[in-house]
């Protein structure tokens, strides 16, 4: 049982009228409920009115990602060839770190635009 992996669950409460509207849209789409929710959450555009409480966390996240990029740039360009060859595992980020950062950037950019 410990080897079993469960995906994250997202849940929320809605009114009866909202539930009926959602069910009608799902029925009209012809998709499974799960697929409809995923596509709706990821691809639908939501207009957010900018206020300090909503914008500030986004700015902080973008700044943190930018600082990580600067560190990676320094690791790639800051050392001479001999140093990079001898200490490549110490200074350069791993491929997992690069993939993680790429995923974070893609998610943040898609959320912002």
PDB file of N, CA and C in Angstrom:
ATOM      1  N   UNK A   1       0.817  -1.192   0.000  1.00  0.00           N
ATOM      2  CA  UNK A   1       0.000   0.000   0.000  1.00  0.00           C
ATOM      3  C   UNK A   1       0.863   1.258   0.000  1.00  0.00           C
ATOM      4  N   UNK A   2       2.095   1.192   0.534  1.00  0.00           N
ATOM      5  CA  UNK A   2       2.938   2.374   0.592  1.00  0.00           C
ATOM      6  C   UNK A   2       3.502   2.737  -0.782  1.00  0.00           C
ATOM      7  N   UNK A   3       3.513   1.787  -1.726  1.00  0.00           N
ATOM      8  CA  UNK A   3       4.018   2.059  -3.069  1.00  0.00           C
ATOM      9  C   UNK A   3       2.971   2.733  -3.954  1.00  0.00           C
ATOM     10  N   UNK A   4       1.802   2.930  -3.458  1.00  0.00           N
ATOM     11  CA  UNK A   4       0.713   3.510  -4.236  1.00  0.00           C
ATOM     12  C   UNK A   4       0.817   5.025  -4.246  1.00  0.00           C
ATOM     13  N   UNK A   5       0.714   5.605  -5.426  1.00  0.00           N
ATOM     14  CA  UNK A   5       0.828   7.055  -5.575  1.00  0.00           C
ATOM     15  C   UNK A   5      -0.534   7.638  -5.931  1.00  0.00           C
ATOM     16  N   UNK A   6      -0.933   8.642  -5.196  1.00  0.00           N
ATOM     17  CA  UNK A   6      -2.214   9.299  -5.476  1.00  0.00           C
ATOM     18  C   UNK A   6      -1.947  10.706  -5.985  1.00  0.00           C
ATOM     19  N   UNK A   7      -2.681  11.086  -7.010  1.00  0.00           N
ATOM     20  CA  UNK A   7      -2.578  12.433  -7.543  1.00  0.00           C
ATOM     21  C   UNK A   7      -3.301  13.406  -6.630  1.00  0.00           C
ATOM     22  N   UNK A   8      -2.954  14.673  -6.764  1.00  0.00           N
ATOM     23  CA  UNK A   8      -3.583  15.719  -5.954  1.00  0.00           C
ATOM     24  C   UNK A   8      -5.047  15.882  -6.361  1.00  0.00           C
ATOM     25  N   UNK A   9      -5.890  16.258  -5.401  1.00  0.00           N
ATOM     26  CA  UNK A   9      -7.299  16.495  -5.644  1.00  0.00           C
ATOM     27  C   UNK A   9      -7.600  17.962  -5.437  1.00  0.00           C
ATOM     28  N   UNK A  10      -8.403  18.513  -6.331  1.00  0.00           N
ATOM     29  CA  UNK A  10      -8.860  19.891  -6.202  1.00  0.00           C
ATOM     30  C   UNK A  10     -10.371  19.849  -6.010  1.00  0.00           C
ATOM     31  N   UNK A  11     -10.851  20.531  -4.995  1.00  0.00           N
ATOM     32  CA  UNK A  11     -12.298  20.564  -4.770  1.00  0.00           C
ATOM     33  C   UNK A  11     -12.716  21.965  -4.348  1.00  0.00           C
ATOM     34  N   UNK A  12     -13.967  22.276  -4.602  1.00  0.00           N
ATOM     35  CA  UNK A  12     -14.513  23.573  -4.228  1.00  0.00           C
ATOM     36  C   UNK A  12     -16.019  23.450  -4.096  1.00  0.00           C
ATOM     37  N   UNK A  13     -16.616  24.403  -3.425  1.00  0.00           N
ATOM     38  CA  UNK A  13     -18.062  24.393  -3.222  1.00  0.00           C
ATOM     39  C   UNK A  13     -18.718  25.402  -4.156  1.00  0.00           C
ATOM     40  N   UNK A  14     -19.868  25.008  -4.692  1.00  0.00           N
ATOM     41  CA  UNK A  14     -20.614  25.878  -5.584  1.00  0.00           C
ATOM     42  C   UNK A  14     -22.086  25.829  -5.212  1.00  0.00           C
ATOM     43  N   UNK A  15     -22.820  26.815  -5.690  1.00  0.00           N
ATOM     44  CA  UNK A  15     -24.263  26.822  -5.442  1.00  0.00           C
ATOM     45  C   UNK A  15     -24.930  25.818  -6.379  1.00  0.00           C
ATOM     46  N   UNK A  16     -26.176  25.541  -6.114  1.00  0.00           N
ATOM     47  CA  UNK A  16     -26.928  24.608  -6.960  1.00  0.00           C
ATOM     48  C   UNK A  16     -27.081  25.161  -8.377  1.00  0.00           C
ATOM     49  N   UNK A  17     -27.309  26.452  -8.495  1.00  0.00           N
ATOM     50  CA  UNK A  17     -27.454  27.069  -9.817  1.00  0.00           C
ATOM     51  C   UNK A  17     -26.134  26.977 -10.601  1.00  0.00           C
ATOM     52  N   UNK A  18     -25.019  27.228  -9.928  1.00  0.00           N
ATOM     53  CA  UNK A  18     -23.722  27.115 -10.595  1.00  0.00           C
ATOM     54  C   UNK A  18     -23.457  25.674 -11.031  1.00  0.00           C
ATOM     55  N   UNK A  19     -23.827  24.713 -10.188  1.00  0.00           N
ATOM     56  CA  UNK A  19     -23.634  23.305 -10.528  1.00  0.00           C
ATOM     57  C   UNK A  19     -24.424  22.937 -11.775  1.00  0.00           C
ATOM     58  N   UNK A  20     -25.662  23.413 -11.855  1.00  0.00           N
ATOM     59  CA  UNK A  20     -26.490  23.115 -13.029  1.00  0.00           C
ATOM     60  C   UNK A  20     -25.900  23.724 -14.298  1.00  0.00           C
ATOM     61  N   UNK A  21     -25.375  24.945 -14.186  1.00  0.00           N
ATOM     62  CA  UNK A  21     -24.747  25.579 -15.340  1.00  0.00           C
ATOM     63  C   UNK A  21     -23.513  24.797 -15.794  1.00  0.00           C
ATOM     64  N   UNK A  22     -22.704  24.389 -14.841  1.00  0.00           N
ATOM     65  CA  UNK A  22     -21.501  23.628 -15.169  1.00  0.00           C
ATOM     66  C   UNK A  22     -21.862  22.286 -15.794  1.00  0.00           C
ATOM     67  N   UNK A  23     -22.836  21.598 -15.203  1.00  0.00           N
ATOM     68  CA  UNK A  23     -23.261  20.300 -15.740  1.00  0.00           C
ATOM     69  C   UNK A  23     -23.789  20.450 -17.167  1.00  0.00           C
ATOM     70  N   UNK A  24     -24.514  21.520 -17.439  1.00  0.00           N
ATOM     71  CA  UNK A  24     -25.043  21.762 -18.786  1.00  0.00           C
ATOM     72  C   UNK A  24     -23.898  21.986 -19.778  1.00  0.00           C
ATOM     73  N   UNK A  25     -22.899  22.732 -19.371  1.00  0.00           N
ATOM     74  CA  UNK A  25     -21.748  22.973 -20.261  1.00  0.00           C
ATOM     75  C   UNK A  25     -20.970  21.688 -20.515  1.00  0.00           C
ATOM     76  N   UNK A  26     -20.828  20.874 -19.479  1.00  0.00           N
ATOM     77  CA  UNK A  26     -20.125  19.599 -19.643  1.00  0.00           C
ATOM     78  C   UNK A  26     -20.887  18.703 -20.607  1.00  0.00           C
ATOM     79  N   UNK A  27     -22.187  18.645 -20.451  1.00  0.00           N
ATOM     80  CA  UNK A  27     -23.020  17.827 -21.333  1.00  0.00           C
ATOM     81  C   UNK A  27     -22.923  18.325 -22.774  1.00  0.00           C
ATOM     82  N   UNK A  28     -22.955  19.639 -22.963  1.00  0.00           N
ATOM     83  CA  UNK A  28     -22.882  20.218 -24.309  1.00  0.00           C
ATOM     84  C   UNK A  28     -21.506  19.995 -24.945  1.00  0.00           C
ATOM     85  N   UNK A  29     -20.477  19.913 -24.128  1.00  0.00           N
ATOM     86  CA  UNK A  29     -19.126  19.737 -24.672  1.00  0.00           C
ATOM     87  C   UNK A  29     -18.892  18.317 -25.169  1.00  0.00           C
ATOM     88  N   UNK A  30     -19.573  17.354 -24.575  1.00  0.00           N
ATOM     89  CA  UNK A  30     -19.377  15.964 -24.948  1.00  0.00           C
ATOM     90  C   UNK A  30     -18.136  15.350 -24.331  1.00  0.00           C
ATOM     91  N   UNK A  31     -17.487  16.081 -23.451  1.00  0.00           N
ATOM     92  CA  UNK A  31     -16.269  15.578 -22.812  1.00  0.00           C
ATOM     93  C   UNK A  31     -16.604  14.920 -21.482  1.00  0.00           C
ATOM     94  N   UNK A  32     -15.625  14.178 -20.990  1.00  0.00           N
ATOM     95  CA  UNK A  32     -15.749  13.657 -19.634  1.00  0.00           C
ATOM     96  C   UNK A  32     -15.611  14.838 -18.679  1.00  0.00           C
ATOM     97  N   UNK A  33     -16.223  14.712 -17.511  1.00  0.00           N
ATOM     98  CA  UNK A  33     -16.196  15.795 -16.533  1.00  0.00           C
ATOM     99  C   UNK A  33     -14.771  16.193 -16.154  1.00  0.00           C
ATOM    100  N   UNK A  34     -13.936  15.203 -15.934  1.00  0.00           N
ATOM    101  CA  UNK A  34     -12.539  15.452 -15.564  1.00  0.00           C
ATOM    102  C   UNK A  34     -11.836  16.270 -16.643  1.00  0.00           C
ATOM    103  N   UNK A  35     -11.982  15.865 -17.902  1.00  0.00           N
ATOM    104  CA  UNK A  35     -11.328  16.567 -19.004  1.00  0.00           C
ATOM    105  C   UNK A  35     -11.865  17.988 -19.160  1.00  0.00           C
ATOM    106  N   UNK A  36     -13.172  18.148 -18.976  1.00  0.00           N
ATOM    107  CA  UNK A  36     -13.763  19.482 -19.078  1.00  0.00           C
ATOM    108  C   UNK A  36     -13.175  20.413 -18.023  1.00  0.00           C
ATOM    109  N   UNK A  37     -13.075  19.957 -16.791  1.00  0.00           N
ATOM    110  CA  UNK A  37     -12.529  20.799 -15.721  1.00  0.00           C
ATOM    111  C   UNK A  37     -11.065  21.148 -15.976  1.00  0.00           C
ATOM    112  N   UNK A  38     -10.294  20.172 -16.401  1.00  0.00           N
ATOM    113  CA  UNK A  38      -8.877  20.433 -16.659  1.00  0.00           C
ATOM    114  C   UNK A  38      -8.717  21.460 -17.763  1.00  0.00           C
ATOM    115  N   UNK A  39      -9.395  21.251 -18.887  1.00  0.00           N
ATOM    116  CA  UNK A  39      -9.278  22.197 -20.002  1.00  0.00           C
ATOM    117  C   UNK A  39      -9.820  23.566 -19.639  1.00  0.00           C
ATOM    118  N   UNK A  40     -10.893  23.580 -18.899  1.00  0.00           N
ATOM    119  CA  UNK A  40     -11.481  24.854 -18.503  1.00  0.00           C
ATOM    120  C   UNK A  40     -10.540  25.639 -17.602  1.00  0.00           C
ATOM    121  N   UNK A  41      -9.919  24.970 -16.664  1.00  0.00           N
ATOM    122  CA  UNK A  41      -9.012  25.650 -15.740  1.00  0.00           C
ATOM    123  C   UNK A  41      -7.724  26.097 -16.423  1.00  0.00           C
ATOM    124  N   UNK A  42      -7.219  25.311 -17.328  1.00  0.00           N
ATOM    125  CA  UNK A  42      -5.933  25.633 -17.942  1.00  0.00           C
ATOM    126  C   UNK A  42      -6.074  26.623 -19.094  1.00  0.00           C
ATOM    127  N   UNK A  43      -7.075  26.464 -19.950  1.00  0.00           N
ATOM    128  CA  UNK A  43      -7.106  27.214 -21.199  1.00  0.00           C
ATOM    129  C   UNK A  43      -8.054  28.406 -21.224  1.00  0.00           C
ATOM    130  N   UNK A  44      -9.005  28.478 -20.335  1.00  0.00           N
ATOM    131  CA  UNK A  44      -9.908  29.626 -20.343  1.00  0.00           C
ATOM    132  C   UNK A  44      -9.208  30.859 -19.819  1.00  0.00           C
ATOM    133  N   UNK A  45      -9.519  31.976 -20.400  1.00  0.00           N
ATOM    134  CA  UNK A  45      -8.931  33.246 -19.985  1.00  0.00           C
ATOM    135  C   UNK A  45      -9.764  33.843 -18.860  1.00  0.00           C
ATOM    136  N   UNK A  46      -9.090  34.291 -17.835  1.00  0.00           N
ATOM    137  CA  UNK A  46      -9.753  34.937 -16.715  1.00  0.00           C
ATOM    138  C   UNK A  46      -9.139  36.312 -16.556  1.00  0.00           C
ATOM    139  N   UNK A  47      -9.968  37.317 -16.534  1.00  0.00           N
ATOM    140  CA  UNK A  47      -9.481  38.685 -16.392  1.00  0.00           C
ATOM    141  C   UNK A  47      -9.425  39.029 -14.907  1.00  0.00           C
ATOM    142  N   UNK A  48      -8.241  39.389 -14.445  1.00  0.00           N
ATOM    143  CA  UNK A  48      -8.061  39.750 -13.048  1.00  0.00           C
ATOM    144  C   UNK A  48      -7.772  41.232 -12.971  1.00  0.00           C
ATOM    145  N   UNK A  49      -8.538  41.926 -12.158  1.00  0.00           N
ATOM    146  CA  UNK A  49      -8.294  43.345 -11.954  1.00  0.00           C
ATOM    147  C   UNK A  49      -7.091  43.467 -11.028  1.00  0.00           C
ATOM    148  N   UNK A  50      -6.101  44.223 -11.486  1.00  0.00           N
ATOM    149  CA  UNK A  50      -4.865  44.321 -10.719  1.00  0.00           C
ATOM    150  C   UNK A  50      -5.034  45.129  -9.449  1.00  0.00           C
ATOM    151  N   UNK A  51      -4.752  44.508  -8.357  1.00  0.00           N
ATOM    152  CA  UNK A  51      -4.655  45.198  -7.082  1.00  0.00           C
ATOM    153  C   UNK A  51      -3.422  44.661  -6.377  1.00  0.00           C
ATOM    154  N   UNK A  52      -2.976  45.357  -5.411  1.00  0.00           N
ATOM    155  CA  UNK A  52      -1.717  45.021  -4.756  1.00  0.00           C
ATOM    156  C   UNK A  52      -1.708  43.584  -4.238  1.00  0.00           C
ATOM    157  N   UNK A  53      -2.801  43.127  -3.706  1.00  0.00           N
ATOM    158  CA  UNK A  53      -2.857  41.787  -3.127  1.00  0.00           C
ATOM    159  C   UNK A  53      -2.693  40.698  -4.183  1.00  0.00           C
ATOM    160  N   UNK A  54      -3.118  40.957  -5.423  1.00  0.00           N
ATOM    161  CA  UNK A  54      -2.989  39.939  -6.463  1.00  0.00           C
ATOM    162  C   UNK A  54      -1.701  40.072  -7.252  1.00  0.00           C
ATOM    163  N   UNK A  55      -1.243  41.283  -7.470  1.00  0.00           N
ATOM    164  CA  UNK A  55      -0.066  41.500  -8.301  1.00  0.00           C
ATOM    165  C   UNK A  55       1.231  41.224  -7.536  1.00  0.00           C
ATOM    166  N   UNK A  56       1.317  41.601  -6.282  1.00  0.00           N
ATOM    167  CA  UNK A  56       2.562  41.488  -5.529  1.00  0.00           C
ATOM    168  C   UNK A  56       3.108  40.052  -5.457  1.00  0.00           C
ATOM    169  N   UNK A  57       2.289  39.037  -5.153  1.00  0.00           N
ATOM    170  CA  UNK A  57       2.825  37.664  -5.155  1.00  0.00           C
ATOM    171  C   UNK A  57       3.350  37.236  -6.529  1.00  0.00           C
ATOM    172  N   UNK A  58       2.693  37.682  -7.602  1.00  0.00           N
ATOM    173  CA  UNK A  58       3.170  37.351  -8.938  1.00  0.00           C
ATOM    174  C   UNK A  58       4.523  37.997  -9.212  1.00  0.00           C
ATOM    175  N   UNK A  59       4.675  39.251  -8.802  1.00  0.00           N
ATOM    176  CA  UNK A  59       5.944  39.955  -8.992  1.00  0.00           C
ATOM    177  C   UNK A  59       7.049  39.263  -8.204  1.00  0.00           C
ATOM    178  N   UNK A  60       6.759  38.843  -6.997  1.00  0.00           N
ATOM    179  CA  UNK A  60       7.757  38.140  -6.191  1.00  0.00           C
ATOM    180  C   UNK A  60       8.192  36.837  -6.855  1.00  0.00           C
ATOM    181  N   UNK A  61       7.248  36.089  -7.401  1.00  0.00           N
ATOM    182  CA  UNK A  61       7.572  34.830  -8.065  1.00  0.00           C
ATOM    183  C   UNK A  61       8.423  35.069  -9.302  1.00  0.00           C
ATOM    184  N   UNK A  62       8.051  36.070 -10.101  1.00  0.00           N
ATOM    185  CA  UNK A  62       8.832  36.380 -11.297  1.00  0.00           C
ATOM    186  C   UNK A  62      10.237  36.835 -10.916  1.00  0.00           C
ATOM    187  N   UNK A  63      10.369  37.635  -9.871  1.00  0.00           N
ATOM    188  CA  UNK A  63      11.690  38.067  -9.412  1.00  0.00           C
ATOM    189  C   UNK A  63      12.538  36.890  -8.950  1.00  0.00           C
ATOM    190  N   UNK A  64      11.936  35.955  -8.228  1.00  0.00           N
ATOM    191  CA  UNK A  64      12.678  34.782  -7.769  1.00  0.00           C
ATOM    192  C   UNK A  64      13.162  33.950  -8.950  1.00  0.00           C
ATOM    193  N   UNK A  65      12.313  33.768  -9.947  1.00  0.00           N
ATOM    194  CA  UNK A  65      12.708  33.027 -11.135  1.00  0.00           C
ATOM    195  C   UNK A  65      13.815  33.764 -11.890  1.00  0.00           C
ATOM    196  N   UNK A  66      13.732  35.082 -11.948  1.00  0.00           N
ATOM    197  CA  UNK A  66      14.757  35.886 -12.611  1.00  0.00           C
ATOM    198  C   UNK A  66      16.107  35.742 -11.903  1.00  0.00           C
ATOM    199  N   UNK A  67      16.094  35.755 -10.583  1.00  0.00           N
ATOM    200  CA  UNK A  67      17.344  35.582  -9.828  1.00  0.00           C
ATOM    201  C   UNK A  67      17.954  34.203 -10.068  1.00  0.00           C
ATOM    202  N   UNK A  68      17.112  33.190 -10.187  1.00  0.00           N
ATOM    203  CA  UNK A  68      17.617  31.854 -10.493  1.00  0.00           C
ATOM    204  C   UNK A  68      18.266  31.829 -11.876  1.00  0.00           C
ATOM    205  N   UNK A  69      17.655  32.527 -12.820  1.00  0.00           N
ATOM    206  CA  UNK A  69      18.240  32.600 -14.159  1.00  0.00           C
ATOM    207  C   UNK A  69      19.587  33.303 -14.142  1.00  0.00           C
ATOM    208  N   UNK A  70      19.691  34.377 -13.375  1.00  0.00           N
ATOM    209  CA  UNK A  70      20.966  35.090 -13.276  1.00  0.00           C
ATOM    210  C   UNK A  70      22.053  34.197 -12.692  1.00  0.00           C
ATOM    211  N   UNK A  71      21.706  33.425 -11.668  1.00  0.00           N
ATOM    212  CA  UNK A  71      22.675  32.506 -11.069  1.00  0.00           C
ATOM    213  C   UNK A  71      23.119  31.458 -12.080  1.00  0.00           C
ATOM    214  N   UNK A  72      22.178  30.957 -12.864  1.00  0.00           N
ATOM    215  CA  UNK A  72      22.519  29.964 -13.872  1.00  0.00           C
ATOM    216  C   UNK A  72      23.404  30.577 -14.962  1.00  0.00           C
ATOM    217  N   UNK A  73      23.109  31.808 -15.337  1.00  0.00           N
ATOM    218  CA  UNK A  73      23.927  32.487 -16.340  1.00  0.00           C
ATOM    219  C   UNK A  73      25.360  32.652 -15.835  1.00  0.00           C
ATOM    220  N   UNK A  74      25.502  33.056 -14.588  1.00  0.00           N
ATOM    221  CA  UNK A  74      26.842  33.211 -14.012  1.00  0.00           C
ATOM    222  C   UNK A  74      27.573  31.874 -13.982  1.00  0.00           C
ATOM    223  N   UNK A  75      26.859  30.808 -13.677  1.00  0.00           N
ATOM    224  CA  UNK A  75      27.479  29.487 -13.635  1.00  0.00           C
ATOM    225  C   UNK A  75      27.966  29.066 -15.017  1.00  0.00           C
ATOM    226  N   UNK A  76      27.208  29.419 -16.053  1.00  0.00           N
ATOM    227  CA  UNK A  76      27.594  29.033 -17.405  1.00  0.00           C
ATOM    228  C   UNK A  76      28.680  29.930 -17.990  1.00  0.00           C
ATOM    229  N   UNK A  77      28.640  31.219 -17.694  1.00  0.00           N
ATOM    230  CA  UNK A  77      29.551  32.151 -18.357  1.00  0.00           C
ATOM    231  C   UNK A  77      30.631  32.707 -17.455  1.00  0.00           C
ATOM    232  N   UNK A  78      30.520  32.546 -16.154  1.00  0.00           N
ATOM    233  CA  UNK A  78      31.447  33.181 -15.230  1.00  0.00           C
ATOM    234  C   UNK A  78      32.797  32.512 -15.105  1.00  0.00           C
ATOM    235  N   UNK A  79      32.898  31.239 -15.405  1.00  0.00           N
ATOM    236  CA  UNK A  79      34.158  30.518 -15.201  1.00  0.00           C
ATOM    237  C   UNK A  79      34.870  30.303 -16.527  1.00  0.00           C
ATOM    238  N   UNK A  80      36.208  30.168 -16.478  1.00  0.00           N
ATOM    239  CA  UNK A  80      36.958  29.874 -17.693  1.00  0.00           C
ATOM    240  C   UNK A  80      36.820  28.395 -18.043  1.00  0.00           C
ATOM    241  N   UNK A  81      37.313  28.006 -19.193  1.00  0.00           N
ATOM    242  CA  UNK A  81      37.103  26.656 -19.712  1.00  0.00           C
ATOM    243  C   UNK A  81      37.707  25.598 -18.797  1.00  0.00           C
ATOM    244  N   UNK A  82      38.934  25.812 -18.287  1.00  0.00           N
ATOM    245  CA  UNK A  82      39.575  24.817 -17.426  1.00  0.00           C
ATOM    246  C   UNK A  82      38.793  24.605 -16.137  1.00  0.00           C
ATOM    247  N   UNK A  83      38.290  25.684 -15.569  1.00  0.00           N
ATOM    248  CA  UNK A  83      37.522  25.572 -14.325  1.00  0.00           C
ATOM    249  C   UNK A  83      36.229  24.820 -14.559  1.00  0.00           C
ATOM    250  N   UNK A  84      35.566  25.097 -15.690  1.00  0.00           N
ATOM    251  CA  UNK A  84      34.300  24.421 -15.999  1.00  0.00           C
ATOM    252  C   UNK A  84      34.528  22.936 -16.185  1.00  0.00           C
ATOM    253  N   UNK A  85      35.604  22.580 -16.866  1.00  0.00           N
ATOM    254  CA  UNK A  85      35.882  21.165 -17.113  1.00  0.00           C
ATOM    255  C   UNK A  85      36.166  20.430 -15.806  1.00  0.00           C
ATOM    256  N   UNK A  86      36.921  21.044 -14.899  1.00  0.00           N
ATOM    257  CA  UNK A  86      37.284  20.351 -13.664  1.00  0.00           C
ATOM    258  C   UNK A  86      36.191  20.379 -12.609  1.00  0.00           C
ATOM    259  N   UNK A  87      35.339  21.398 -12.631  1.00  0.00           N
ATOM    260  CA  UNK A  87      34.330  21.521 -11.570  1.00  0.00           C
ATOM    261  C   UNK A  87      32.926  21.652 -12.130  1.00  0.00           C
ATOM    262  N   UNK A  88      32.644  20.942 -13.206  1.00  0.00           N
ATOM    263  CA  UNK A  88      31.342  21.091 -13.860  1.00  0.00           C
ATOM    264  C   UNK A  88      30.197  20.648 -12.967  1.00  0.00           C
ATOM    265  N   UNK A  89      30.384  19.620 -12.190  1.00  0.00           N
ATOM    266  CA  UNK A  89      29.292  19.143 -11.340  1.00  0.00           C
ATOM    267  C   UNK A  89      29.035  20.068 -10.150  1.00  0.00           C
ATOM    268  N   UNK A  90      30.018  20.863  -9.769  1.00  0.00           N
ATOM    269  CA  UNK A  90      29.859  21.755  -8.617  1.00  0.00           C
ATOM    270  C   UNK A  90      29.177  23.072  -8.985  1.00  0.00           C
ATOM    271  N   UNK A  91      29.421  23.587 -10.180  1.00  0.00           N
ATOM    272  CA  UNK A  91      28.939  24.934 -10.504  1.00  0.00           C
ATOM    273  C   UNK A  91      27.703  24.953 -11.380  1.00  0.00           C
ATOM    274  N   UNK A  92      27.579  23.993 -12.273  1.00  0.00           N
ATOM    275  CA  UNK A  92      26.462  24.019 -13.205  1.00  0.00           C
ATOM    276  C   UNK A  92      25.256  23.292 -12.624  1.00  0.00           C
ATOM    277  N   UNK A  93      24.056  23.819 -12.893  1.00  0.00           N
ATOM    278  CA  UNK A  93      22.857  23.160 -12.378  1.00  0.00           C
ATOM    279  C   UNK A  93      22.606  21.836 -13.099  1.00  0.00           C
ATOM    280  N   UNK A  94      21.952  20.943 -12.417  1.00  0.00           N
ATOM    281  CA  UNK A  94      21.643  19.646 -13.013  1.00  0.00           C
ATOM    282  C   UNK A  94      20.528  19.805 -14.035  1.00  0.00           C
ATOM    283  N   UNK A  95      20.364  18.790 -14.856  1.00  0.00           N
ATOM    284  CA  UNK A  95      19.302  18.848 -15.861  1.00  0.00           C
ATOM    285  C   UNK A  95      17.932  18.869 -15.199  1.00  0.00           C
ATOM    286  N   UNK A  96      17.797  18.241 -14.035  1.00  0.00           N
ATOM    287  CA  UNK A  96      16.524  18.285 -13.313  1.00  0.00           C
ATOM    288  C   UNK A  96      16.206  19.698 -12.854  1.00  0.00           C
ATOM    289  N   UNK A  97      17.231  20.414 -12.389  1.00  0.00           N
ATOM    290  CA  UNK A  97      17.025  21.793 -11.954  1.00  0.00           C
ATOM    291  C   UNK A  97      16.625  22.681 -13.126  1.00  0.00           C
ATOM    292  N   UNK A  98      17.231  22.446 -14.272  1.00  0.00           N
ATOM    293  CA  UNK A  98      16.885  23.228 -15.460  1.00  0.00           C
ATOM    294  C   UNK A  98      15.461  22.912 -15.905  1.00  0.00           C
ATOM    295  N   UNK A  99      15.087  21.646 -15.904  1.00  0.00           N
ATOM    296  CA  UNK A  99      13.719  21.267 -16.291  1.00  0.00           C
ATOM    297  C   UNK A  99      12.697  21.840 -15.316  1.00  0.00           C
ATOM    298  N   UNK A 100      13.020  21.811 -14.027  1.00  0.00           N
ATOM    299  CA  UNK A 100      12.114  22.373 -13.023  1.00  0.00           C
ATOM    300  C   UNK A 100      11.924  23.870 -13.247  1.00  0.00           C
ATOM    301  N   UNK A 101      13.028  24.572 -13.486  1.00  0.00           N
ATOM    302  CA  UNK A 101      12.948  26.009 -13.722  1.00  0.00           C
ATOM    303  C   UNK A 101      12.177  26.309 -14.995  1.00  0.00           C
ATOM    304  N   UNK A 102      12.373  25.502 -16.023  1.00  0.00           N
ATOM    305  CA  UNK A 102      11.643  25.689 -17.272  1.00  0.00           C
ATOM    306  C   UNK A 102      10.145  25.508 -17.045  1.00  0.00           C
ATOM    307  N   UNK A 103       9.777  24.493 -16.293  1.00  0.00           N
ATOM    308  CA  UNK A 103       8.361  24.260 -15.992  1.00  0.00           C
ATOM    309  C   UNK A 103       7.775  25.419 -15.197  1.00  0.00           C
ATOM    310  N   UNK A 104       8.526  25.917 -14.217  1.00  0.00           N
ATOM    311  CA  UNK A 104       8.051  27.046 -13.423  1.00  0.00           C
ATOM    312  C   UNK A 104       7.838  28.279 -14.297  1.00  0.00           C
ATOM    313  N   UNK A 105       8.759  28.540 -15.207  1.00  0.00           N
ATOM    314  CA  UNK A 105       8.622  29.689 -16.106  1.00  0.00           C
ATOM    315  C   UNK A 105       7.411  29.544 -17.015  1.00  0.00           C
ATOM    316  N   UNK A 106       7.246  28.378 -17.592  1.00  0.00           N
ATOM    317  CA  UNK A 106       6.110  28.148 -18.502  1.00  0.00           C
ATOM    318  C   UNK A 106       4.805  28.322 -17.755  1.00  0.00           C
ATOM    319  N   UNK A 107       4.709  27.767 -16.552  1.00  0.00           N
ATOM    320  CA  UNK A 107       3.474  27.909 -15.770  1.00  0.00           C
ATOM    321  C   UNK A 107       3.201  29.355 -15.404  1.00  0.00           C
ATOM    322  N   UNK A 108       4.248  30.077 -14.992  1.00  0.00           N
ATOM    323  CA  UNK A 108       4.064  31.468 -14.599  1.00  0.00           C
ATOM    324  C   UNK A 108       3.683  32.330 -15.793  1.00  0.00           C
ATOM    325  N   UNK A 109       4.348  32.136 -16.919  1.00  0.00           N
ATOM    326  CA  UNK A 109       4.035  32.931 -18.105  1.00  0.00           C
ATOM    327  C   UNK A 109       2.644  32.642 -18.627  1.00  0.00           C
ATOM    328  N   UNK A 110       2.229  31.384 -18.600  1.00  0.00           N
ATOM    329  CA  UNK A 110       0.878  31.071 -19.055  1.00  0.00           C
ATOM    330  C   UNK A 110      -0.170  31.624 -18.095  1.00  0.00           C
ATOM    331  N   UNK A 111       0.160  31.715 -16.826  1.00  0.00           N
ATOM    332  CA  UNK A 111      -0.773  32.301 -15.865  1.00  0.00           C
ATOM    333  C   UNK A 111      -0.873  33.804 -16.029  1.00  0.00           C
ATOM    334  N   UNK A 112       0.245  34.443 -16.413  1.00  0.00           N
ATOM    335  CA  UNK A 112       0.247  35.893 -16.550  1.00  0.00           C
ATOM    336  C   UNK A 112      -0.381  36.343 -17.860  1.00  0.00           C
ATOM    337  N   UNK A 113      -0.217  35.569 -18.914  1.00  0.00           N
ATOM    338  CA  UNK A 113      -0.698  36.012 -20.223  1.00  0.00           C
ATOM    339  C   UNK A 113      -1.778  35.157 -20.678  1.00  0.00           C
TER     340      UNK A 113
END
